């Protein structure tokens, strides 16, 4: 019995500790994307001469802790949901959005494979778009930049203006 004690102790420790593996690392990375992201601009492969084009459209992407995402655009009259679904990180550079609803019909029911990079408060996404919202062939690469919304450290009356 004394010979079995180290083995039993090791077995007990391994059974109580949470698993440490690639899946748990990926889950932790998915949580890094959680939050509210403001669309800052884009670059498209069909207009390389334009480079990165800053945009102040008010488009937001909300990613929740369970992976649900919603992209929406506020305007003076209503808020339009452009795309929603479930997202997950597949690797250190691939983020998959499984699209449930979209204003781009060709995306509905598809897994949209995006190359992603996080740097400071910015999320960089790159993806290939076959068809636009009118279902016309476009076949272009799109690179987007999103900035994560942050709670201000101090409250100033100018913050809410």
N, C-alpha and C. Protein backbone atom coordinates (compact mmCIF):
# COMPACT_ATOMS: atom_id res chain seq x y z
N UNK A 1 0.82 -1.19 0.00
CA UNK A 1 0.00 0.00 0.00
C UNK A 1 0.86 1.26 0.00
N UNK A 2 2.00 1.25 0.73
CA UNK A 2 2.86 2.42 0.78
C UNK A 2 3.43 2.74 -0.59
N UNK A 3 3.63 1.72 -1.44
CA UNK A 3 4.16 1.96 -2.78
C UNK A 3 3.13 2.68 -3.66
N UNK A 4 1.86 2.52 -3.36
CA UNK A 4 0.80 3.11 -4.17
C UNK A 4 0.47 4.55 -3.78
N UNK A 5 0.93 5.01 -2.62
CA UNK A 5 0.59 6.35 -2.13
C UNK A 5 1.07 7.45 -3.09
N UNK A 6 2.33 7.46 -3.57
CA UNK A 6 2.73 8.51 -4.51
C UNK A 6 1.89 8.48 -5.80
N UNK A 7 1.59 7.29 -6.28
CA UNK A 7 0.77 7.17 -7.48
C UNK A 7 -0.64 7.73 -7.24
N UNK A 8 -1.24 7.37 -6.11
CA UNK A 8 -2.58 7.85 -5.78
C UNK A 8 -2.59 9.37 -5.57
N UNK A 9 -1.54 9.89 -4.97
CA UNK A 9 -1.43 11.33 -4.76
C UNK A 9 -1.34 12.05 -6.10
N UNK A 10 -0.53 11.55 -7.00
CA UNK A 10 -0.39 12.13 -8.33
C UNK A 10 -1.72 12.06 -9.08
N UNK A 11 -2.39 10.93 -9.00
CA UNK A 11 -3.69 10.76 -9.66
C UNK A 11 -4.70 11.76 -9.11
N UNK A 12 -4.73 11.95 -7.78
CA UNK A 12 -5.66 12.89 -7.16
C UNK A 12 -5.38 14.32 -7.63
N UNK A 13 -4.12 14.71 -7.64
CA UNK A 13 -3.75 16.07 -8.06
C UNK A 13 -4.16 16.31 -9.50
N UNK A 14 -3.88 15.35 -10.38
CA UNK A 14 -4.22 15.50 -11.79
C UNK A 14 -5.73 15.55 -12.01
N UNK A 15 -6.48 14.86 -11.21
CA UNK A 15 -7.93 14.84 -11.41
C UNK A 15 -8.62 16.10 -10.88
N UNK A 16 -7.99 16.83 -9.97
CA UNK A 16 -8.62 18.02 -9.42
C UNK A 16 -8.23 19.29 -10.18
N UNK A 17 -7.06 19.31 -10.77
CA UNK A 17 -6.61 20.50 -11.49
C UNK A 17 -7.37 20.62 -12.80
N UNK A 18 -7.64 21.87 -13.23
CA UNK A 18 -8.32 22.04 -14.52
C UNK A 18 -7.37 21.62 -15.64
N UNK A 19 -7.92 21.13 -16.73
CA UNK A 19 -7.07 20.69 -17.83
C UNK A 19 -6.33 21.87 -18.46
N UNK A 20 -5.09 21.65 -18.74
CA UNK A 20 -4.28 22.67 -19.40
C UNK A 20 -3.92 22.09 -20.76
N UNK A 21 -4.55 22.63 -21.78
CA UNK A 21 -4.31 22.13 -23.13
C UNK A 21 -4.58 23.23 -24.13
N UNK A 22 -4.45 22.89 -25.40
CA UNK A 22 -4.64 23.88 -26.46
C UNK A 22 -6.05 24.44 -26.46
N UNK A 23 -7.06 23.61 -26.17
CA UNK A 23 -8.44 24.08 -26.19
C UNK A 23 -8.67 25.14 -25.12
N UNK A 24 -8.12 24.96 -23.92
CA UNK A 24 -8.33 25.96 -22.89
C UNK A 24 -7.60 27.25 -23.25
N UNK A 25 -6.45 27.15 -23.90
CA UNK A 25 -5.75 28.36 -24.36
C UNK A 25 -6.57 29.10 -25.40
N UNK A 26 -7.19 28.36 -26.32
CA UNK A 26 -8.03 28.99 -27.35
C UNK A 26 -9.24 29.65 -26.70
N UNK A 27 -9.86 29.00 -25.72
CA UNK A 27 -11.01 29.57 -25.01
C UNK A 27 -10.61 30.89 -24.35
N UNK A 28 -9.43 30.93 -23.72
CA UNK A 28 -8.95 32.15 -23.10
C UNK A 28 -8.77 33.25 -24.15
N UNK A 29 -8.28 32.90 -25.33
CA UNK A 29 -8.10 33.90 -26.38
C UNK A 29 -9.43 34.44 -26.87
N UNK A 30 -10.45 33.56 -26.94
CA UNK A 30 -11.77 34.03 -27.35
C UNK A 30 -12.26 35.10 -26.39
N UNK A 31 -11.97 34.93 -25.11
CA UNK A 31 -12.35 35.94 -24.12
C UNK A 31 -11.63 37.27 -24.35
N UNK A 32 -10.46 37.25 -24.98
CA UNK A 32 -9.76 38.49 -25.30
C UNK A 32 -10.55 39.35 -26.29
N UNK A 33 -11.36 38.70 -27.11
CA UNK A 33 -12.16 39.42 -28.10
C UNK A 33 -13.46 39.96 -27.51
N UNK A 34 -13.79 39.52 -26.30
CA UNK A 34 -15.04 39.96 -25.68
C UNK A 34 -15.02 41.46 -25.49
N UNK A 35 -16.14 42.11 -25.84
CA UNK A 35 -16.26 43.54 -25.62
C UNK A 35 -17.02 44.22 -26.74
N UNK A 36 -16.97 45.54 -26.72
CA UNK A 36 -17.60 46.37 -27.74
C UNK A 36 -16.48 46.98 -28.57
N UNK A 37 -16.56 46.79 -29.87
CA UNK A 37 -15.54 47.25 -30.80
C UNK A 37 -16.13 48.27 -31.76
N UNK A 38 -15.42 49.38 -31.97
CA UNK A 38 -15.84 50.44 -32.88
C UNK A 38 -15.05 50.31 -34.18
N UNK A 39 -15.76 50.25 -35.30
CA UNK A 39 -15.13 50.14 -36.61
C UNK A 39 -14.41 51.45 -36.92
N UNK A 40 -13.12 51.36 -37.23
CA UNK A 40 -12.30 52.55 -37.47
C UNK A 40 -11.98 52.78 -38.95
N UNK A 41 -11.98 51.71 -39.75
CA UNK A 41 -11.68 51.89 -41.17
C UNK A 41 -11.31 50.58 -41.83
N UNK A 42 -11.04 50.68 -43.15
CA UNK A 42 -10.73 49.45 -43.89
C UNK A 42 -9.85 49.74 -45.10
N UNK A 43 -9.33 48.65 -45.63
CA UNK A 43 -8.54 48.66 -46.86
C UNK A 43 -9.05 47.49 -47.68
N UNK A 44 -9.21 47.69 -49.00
CA UNK A 44 -9.69 46.61 -49.86
C UNK A 44 -8.70 46.34 -50.99
N UNK A 45 -8.65 45.07 -51.42
CA UNK A 45 -7.67 44.69 -52.44
C UNK A 45 -8.03 45.22 -53.82
N UNK A 46 -9.27 45.63 -54.05
CA UNK A 46 -9.64 46.16 -55.37
C UNK A 46 -9.25 47.62 -55.53
N UNK A 47 -8.87 48.29 -54.44
CA UNK A 47 -8.44 49.69 -54.49
C UNK A 47 -7.17 49.88 -53.67
N UNK A 48 -6.08 49.19 -54.05
CA UNK A 48 -4.86 49.28 -53.24
C UNK A 48 -4.29 50.69 -53.17
N UNK A 49 -4.55 51.50 -54.19
CA UNK A 49 -4.03 52.87 -54.20
C UNK A 49 -4.65 53.72 -53.09
N UNK A 50 -5.83 53.33 -52.60
CA UNK A 50 -6.50 54.08 -51.55
C UNK A 50 -5.86 53.82 -50.18
N UNK A 51 -5.23 52.66 -50.02
CA UNK A 51 -4.66 52.31 -48.72
C UNK A 51 -5.73 52.18 -47.66
N UNK A 52 -5.35 52.40 -46.42
CA UNK A 52 -6.30 52.33 -45.31
C UNK A 52 -7.18 53.57 -45.33
N UNK A 53 -8.50 53.38 -45.33
CA UNK A 53 -9.45 54.49 -45.37
C UNK A 53 -10.15 54.59 -44.01
N UNK A 54 -9.86 55.66 -43.24
CA UNK A 54 -10.54 55.85 -41.96
C UNK A 54 -12.04 56.06 -42.20
N UNK A 55 -12.87 55.50 -41.33
CA UNK A 55 -14.32 55.64 -41.46
C UNK A 55 -14.92 55.94 -40.10
N UNK A 56 -15.83 56.90 -40.09
CA UNK A 56 -16.53 57.27 -38.87
C UNK A 56 -18.00 56.94 -39.05
N UNK A 57 -18.30 55.63 -39.21
CA UNK A 57 -19.66 55.20 -39.51
C UNK A 57 -20.47 54.87 -38.27
N UNK A 58 -19.83 54.70 -37.14
CA UNK A 58 -20.53 54.31 -35.93
C UNK A 58 -20.84 52.82 -35.86
N UNK A 59 -20.31 52.03 -36.80
CA UNK A 59 -20.55 50.59 -36.79
C UNK A 59 -19.88 49.99 -35.57
N UNK A 60 -20.63 49.13 -34.87
CA UNK A 60 -20.12 48.48 -33.67
C UNK A 60 -20.18 46.97 -33.83
N UNK A 61 -19.24 46.29 -33.21
CA UNK A 61 -19.23 44.83 -33.11
C UNK A 61 -19.22 44.51 -31.63
N UNK A 62 -20.21 43.74 -31.19
CA UNK A 62 -20.26 43.31 -29.80
C UNK A 62 -19.97 41.82 -29.79
N UNK A 63 -18.97 41.42 -29.02
CA UNK A 63 -18.62 40.01 -28.87
C UNK A 63 -18.79 39.66 -27.39
N UNK A 64 -19.67 38.71 -27.10
CA UNK A 64 -19.93 38.34 -25.71
C UNK A 64 -19.03 37.18 -25.30
N UNK A 65 -19.01 36.89 -24.01
CA UNK A 65 -18.11 35.87 -23.47
C UNK A 65 -18.43 34.47 -24.01
N UNK A 66 -19.66 34.24 -24.46
CA UNK A 66 -20.01 32.93 -25.01
C UNK A 66 -19.74 32.85 -26.51
N UNK A 67 -19.15 33.90 -27.10
CA UNK A 67 -18.78 33.89 -28.51
C UNK A 67 -19.80 34.53 -29.44
N UNK A 68 -20.99 34.84 -28.93
CA UNK A 68 -21.99 35.49 -29.78
C UNK A 68 -21.47 36.85 -30.21
N UNK A 69 -21.70 37.17 -31.50
CA UNK A 69 -21.30 38.48 -31.99
C UNK A 69 -22.45 39.11 -32.75
N UNK A 70 -22.49 40.44 -32.72
CA UNK A 70 -23.46 41.21 -33.49
C UNK A 70 -22.75 42.45 -34.02
N UNK A 71 -22.86 42.68 -35.32
CA UNK A 71 -22.37 43.91 -35.94
C UNK A 71 -23.60 44.76 -36.23
N UNK A 72 -23.59 46.01 -35.78
CA UNK A 72 -24.73 46.85 -36.08
C UNK A 72 -24.32 48.29 -36.32
N UNK A 73 -25.20 49.00 -37.04
CA UNK A 73 -24.96 50.38 -37.42
C UNK A 73 -26.10 51.24 -36.88
N UNK A 74 -25.78 52.19 -36.02
CA UNK A 74 -26.83 53.13 -35.58
C UNK A 74 -26.97 54.25 -36.61
N UNK A 75 -28.19 54.71 -36.82
CA UNK A 75 -28.40 55.92 -37.62
C UNK A 75 -29.47 56.73 -36.91
N UNK A 76 -29.78 57.92 -37.39
CA UNK A 76 -30.73 58.77 -36.65
C UNK A 76 -32.12 58.17 -36.46
N UNK A 77 -32.50 57.20 -37.28
CA UNK A 77 -33.87 56.69 -37.22
C UNK A 77 -34.00 55.31 -36.61
N UNK A 78 -32.99 54.47 -36.74
CA UNK A 78 -33.06 53.12 -36.18
C UNK A 78 -31.66 52.50 -36.17
N UNK A 79 -31.56 51.34 -35.54
CA UNK A 79 -30.31 50.60 -35.52
C UNK A 79 -30.48 49.39 -36.44
N UNK A 80 -29.52 49.19 -37.32
CA UNK A 80 -29.58 48.08 -38.27
C UNK A 80 -28.56 47.02 -37.88
N UNK A 81 -29.02 45.79 -37.68
CA UNK A 81 -28.10 44.68 -37.44
C UNK A 81 -27.62 44.19 -38.79
N UNK A 82 -26.31 44.26 -39.01
CA UNK A 82 -25.74 43.84 -40.28
C UNK A 82 -25.43 42.36 -40.33
N UNK A 83 -24.90 41.84 -39.25
CA UNK A 83 -24.51 40.43 -39.19
C UNK A 83 -24.53 39.99 -37.73
N UNK A 84 -24.92 38.74 -37.51
CA UNK A 84 -24.79 38.17 -36.18
C UNK A 84 -24.56 36.67 -36.29
N UNK A 85 -24.12 36.08 -35.18
CA UNK A 85 -23.84 34.65 -35.15
C UNK A 85 -22.97 34.29 -33.96
N UNK A 86 -22.20 33.23 -34.13
CA UNK A 86 -21.29 32.75 -33.08
C UNK A 86 -19.87 32.76 -33.64
N UNK A 87 -18.93 33.25 -32.83
CA UNK A 87 -17.53 33.27 -33.24
C UNK A 87 -16.67 32.46 -32.31
N UNK A 88 -15.57 31.97 -32.83
CA UNK A 88 -14.59 31.28 -31.98
C UNK A 88 -13.20 31.39 -32.63
N UNK A 89 -12.21 31.31 -31.78
CA UNK A 89 -10.83 31.36 -32.26
C UNK A 89 -10.39 29.94 -32.57
N UNK A 90 -9.90 29.75 -33.78
CA UNK A 90 -9.43 28.44 -34.21
C UNK A 90 -7.94 28.25 -33.96
N UNK A 91 -7.18 29.36 -34.06
CA UNK A 91 -5.73 29.30 -33.85
C UNK A 91 -5.25 30.68 -33.43
N UNK A 92 -3.94 30.85 -33.36
CA UNK A 92 -3.37 32.15 -32.98
C UNK A 92 -3.65 33.24 -33.99
N UNK A 93 -4.08 32.88 -35.21
CA UNK A 93 -4.31 33.90 -36.22
C UNK A 93 -5.65 33.76 -36.95
N UNK A 94 -6.44 32.74 -36.63
CA UNK A 94 -7.71 32.52 -37.33
C UNK A 94 -8.89 32.62 -36.36
N UNK A 95 -9.83 33.49 -36.70
CA UNK A 95 -11.08 33.67 -35.97
C UNK A 95 -12.20 33.31 -36.94
N UNK A 96 -13.11 32.45 -36.51
CA UNK A 96 -14.21 31.99 -37.36
C UNK A 96 -15.51 32.59 -36.87
N UNK A 97 -16.24 33.25 -37.76
CA UNK A 97 -17.58 33.73 -37.45
C UNK A 97 -18.58 32.86 -38.20
N UNK A 98 -19.38 32.10 -37.47
CA UNK A 98 -20.45 31.30 -38.07
C UNK A 98 -21.67 32.22 -38.14
N UNK A 99 -21.99 32.65 -39.34
CA UNK A 99 -23.00 33.69 -39.55
C UNK A 99 -24.41 33.10 -39.54
N UNK A 100 -25.24 33.66 -38.67
CA UNK A 100 -26.64 33.23 -38.59
C UNK A 100 -27.53 34.13 -39.46
N UNK A 101 -27.35 35.44 -39.32
CA UNK A 101 -28.10 36.43 -40.11
C UNK A 101 -27.12 37.44 -40.69
N UNK A 102 -27.43 37.97 -41.87
CA UNK A 102 -26.57 38.98 -42.47
C UNK A 102 -27.31 39.74 -43.56
N UNK A 103 -26.95 41.00 -43.76
CA UNK A 103 -27.47 41.77 -44.89
C UNK A 103 -26.79 41.33 -46.18
N UNK A 104 -25.73 40.55 -46.06
CA UNK A 104 -25.06 39.97 -47.23
C UNK A 104 -25.52 38.52 -47.31
N UNK A 105 -26.47 38.23 -48.21
CA UNK A 105 -27.08 36.89 -48.26
C UNK A 105 -26.07 35.75 -48.42
N UNK A 106 -24.98 35.98 -49.12
CA UNK A 106 -24.01 34.90 -49.36
C UNK A 106 -23.28 34.48 -48.08
N UNK A 107 -23.37 35.27 -47.01
CA UNK A 107 -22.71 34.92 -45.74
C UNK A 107 -23.59 34.08 -44.81
N UNK A 108 -24.89 34.11 -45.03
CA UNK A 108 -25.83 33.42 -44.12
C UNK A 108 -25.56 31.92 -44.13
N UNK A 109 -25.39 31.37 -42.92
CA UNK A 109 -25.14 29.94 -42.77
C UNK A 109 -23.71 29.52 -43.07
N UNK A 110 -22.84 30.47 -43.32
CA UNK A 110 -21.44 30.16 -43.67
C UNK A 110 -20.53 30.42 -42.48
N UNK A 111 -19.39 29.75 -42.50
CA UNK A 111 -18.32 30.04 -41.56
C UNK A 111 -17.37 31.02 -42.24
N UNK A 112 -17.37 32.25 -41.77
CA UNK A 112 -16.52 33.29 -42.33
C UNK A 112 -15.17 33.23 -41.63
N UNK A 113 -14.14 32.86 -42.37
CA UNK A 113 -12.80 32.67 -41.84
C UNK A 113 -12.04 34.00 -41.91
N UNK A 114 -11.67 34.52 -40.74
CA UNK A 114 -10.98 35.81 -40.68
C UNK A 114 -9.59 35.63 -40.08
N UNK A 115 -8.64 36.30 -40.67
CA UNK A 115 -7.31 36.37 -40.08
C UNK A 115 -7.36 37.53 -39.08
N UNK A 116 -6.94 37.27 -37.85
CA UNK A 116 -7.04 38.33 -36.84
C UNK A 116 -5.70 38.57 -36.17
N UNK A 117 -5.58 39.79 -35.64
CA UNK A 117 -4.41 40.17 -34.85
C UNK A 117 -4.88 41.18 -33.81
N UNK A 118 -4.46 40.99 -32.58
CA UNK A 118 -4.76 41.94 -31.52
C UNK A 118 -3.50 42.73 -31.19
N UNK A 119 -3.64 44.04 -31.11
CA UNK A 119 -2.52 44.87 -30.71
C UNK A 119 -3.07 46.04 -29.90
N UNK A 120 -2.67 46.09 -28.63
CA UNK A 120 -3.19 47.11 -27.70
C UNK A 120 -4.71 47.03 -27.67
N UNK A 121 -5.39 48.13 -27.96
CA UNK A 121 -6.86 48.15 -27.96
C UNK A 121 -7.44 47.96 -29.36
N UNK A 122 -6.65 47.43 -30.28
CA UNK A 122 -7.09 47.32 -31.67
C UNK A 122 -7.16 45.87 -32.12
N UNK A 123 -8.21 45.59 -32.88
CA UNK A 123 -8.43 44.28 -33.49
C UNK A 123 -8.33 44.47 -35.00
N UNK A 124 -7.43 43.73 -35.62
CA UNK A 124 -7.24 43.78 -37.07
C UNK A 124 -7.82 42.50 -37.66
N UNK A 125 -8.75 42.65 -38.61
CA UNK A 125 -9.37 41.50 -39.25
C UNK A 125 -9.13 41.57 -40.75
N UNK A 126 -8.87 40.42 -41.35
CA UNK A 126 -8.69 40.33 -42.80
C UNK A 126 -9.48 39.13 -43.28
N UNK A 127 -10.28 39.32 -44.35
CA UNK A 127 -11.10 38.23 -44.85
C UNK A 127 -11.37 38.41 -46.34
N UNK A 128 -11.78 37.33 -46.98
CA UNK A 128 -12.10 37.34 -48.40
C UNK A 128 -13.61 37.41 -48.57
N UNK A 129 -14.08 38.33 -49.39
CA UNK A 129 -15.51 38.49 -49.65
C UNK A 129 -15.79 38.14 -51.11
N UNK A 130 -16.59 37.09 -51.31
CA UNK A 130 -16.92 36.67 -52.68
C UNK A 130 -18.03 37.51 -53.30
N UNK A 131 -19.09 37.80 -52.53
CA UNK A 131 -20.24 38.53 -53.05
C UNK A 131 -20.62 39.66 -52.10
N UNK A 132 -21.16 40.75 -52.68
CA UNK A 132 -21.58 41.87 -51.86
C UNK A 132 -23.05 41.71 -51.45
N UNK A 133 -23.62 42.74 -50.83
CA UNK A 133 -25.00 42.68 -50.35
C UNK A 133 -26.01 42.52 -51.48
N UNK A 134 -25.63 42.89 -52.70
CA UNK A 134 -26.52 42.73 -53.87
C UNK A 134 -26.29 41.39 -54.56
N UNK A 135 -25.50 40.53 -53.92
CA UNK A 135 -25.17 39.19 -54.44
C UNK A 135 -24.36 39.24 -55.74
N UNK A 136 -23.63 40.33 -55.92
CA UNK A 136 -22.76 40.48 -57.09
C UNK A 136 -21.36 39.98 -56.73
N UNK A 137 -20.69 39.34 -57.68
CA UNK A 137 -19.33 38.88 -57.45
C UNK A 137 -18.41 40.07 -57.24
N UNK A 138 -17.66 40.05 -56.14
CA UNK A 138 -16.66 41.10 -55.89
C UNK A 138 -15.27 40.50 -55.72
N UNK A 139 -15.16 39.34 -55.09
CA UNK A 139 -13.90 38.62 -54.92
C UNK A 139 -12.75 39.53 -54.50
N UNK A 140 -12.88 40.09 -53.31
CA UNK A 140 -11.85 41.00 -52.80
C UNK A 140 -11.46 40.62 -51.37
N UNK A 141 -10.25 41.01 -51.01
CA UNK A 141 -9.78 40.92 -49.63
C UNK A 141 -10.13 42.23 -48.95
N UNK A 142 -10.63 42.14 -47.73
CA UNK A 142 -10.95 43.33 -46.94
C UNK A 142 -10.17 43.24 -45.63
N UNK A 143 -9.52 44.33 -45.29
CA UNK A 143 -8.83 44.44 -44.00
C UNK A 143 -9.54 45.51 -43.19
N UNK A 144 -9.94 45.16 -41.97
CA UNK A 144 -10.65 46.10 -41.10
C UNK A 144 -9.86 46.35 -39.83
N UNK A 145 -10.07 47.55 -39.27
CA UNK A 145 -9.49 47.89 -37.97
C UNK A 145 -10.63 48.28 -37.04
N UNK A 146 -10.64 47.66 -35.86
CA UNK A 146 -11.65 47.91 -34.83
C UNK A 146 -10.94 48.34 -33.56
N UNK A 147 -11.50 49.31 -32.85
CA UNK A 147 -10.94 49.76 -31.58
C UNK A 147 -11.89 49.35 -30.45
N UNK A 148 -11.31 48.76 -29.41
CA UNK A 148 -12.12 48.30 -28.27
C UNK A 148 -12.55 49.48 -27.41
N UNK A 149 -13.84 49.51 -27.06
CA UNK A 149 -14.35 50.56 -26.18
C UNK A 149 -13.78 50.36 -24.78
N UNK A 150 -13.42 51.46 -24.15
CA UNK A 150 -12.83 51.42 -22.81
C UNK A 150 -13.62 52.31 -21.87
N UNK A 151 -13.66 51.91 -20.62
CA UNK A 151 -14.25 52.75 -19.58
C UNK A 151 -13.22 53.82 -19.24
N UNK A 152 -13.64 55.11 -19.25
CA UNK A 152 -12.67 56.16 -18.89
C UNK A 152 -12.23 56.01 -17.44
N UNK A 153 -10.99 56.39 -17.18
CA UNK A 153 -10.46 56.30 -15.82
C UNK A 153 -11.10 57.33 -14.89
N UNK A 154 -11.48 58.45 -15.48
CA UNK A 154 -12.13 59.50 -14.70
C UNK A 154 -13.35 59.98 -15.47
N UNK A 155 -14.32 60.47 -14.75
CA UNK A 155 -15.52 60.98 -15.38
C UNK A 155 -15.38 62.48 -15.58
N UNK A 156 -15.60 62.92 -16.81
CA UNK A 156 -15.63 64.34 -17.11
C UNK A 156 -16.93 64.61 -17.84
N UNK A 157 -17.48 65.79 -17.70
CA UNK A 157 -18.74 66.10 -18.38
C UNK A 157 -18.56 66.02 -19.91
N UNK A 158 -17.33 66.26 -20.39
CA UNK A 158 -17.06 66.17 -21.82
C UNK A 158 -17.14 64.74 -22.35
N UNK A 159 -17.03 63.76 -21.45
CA UNK A 159 -17.03 62.34 -21.85
C UNK A 159 -18.36 61.96 -22.49
N UNK A 160 -19.47 62.54 -22.03
CA UNK A 160 -20.77 62.15 -22.55
C UNK A 160 -21.28 63.05 -23.67
N UNK A 161 -20.52 64.03 -24.06
CA UNK A 161 -20.95 64.94 -25.14
C UNK A 161 -20.71 64.31 -26.48
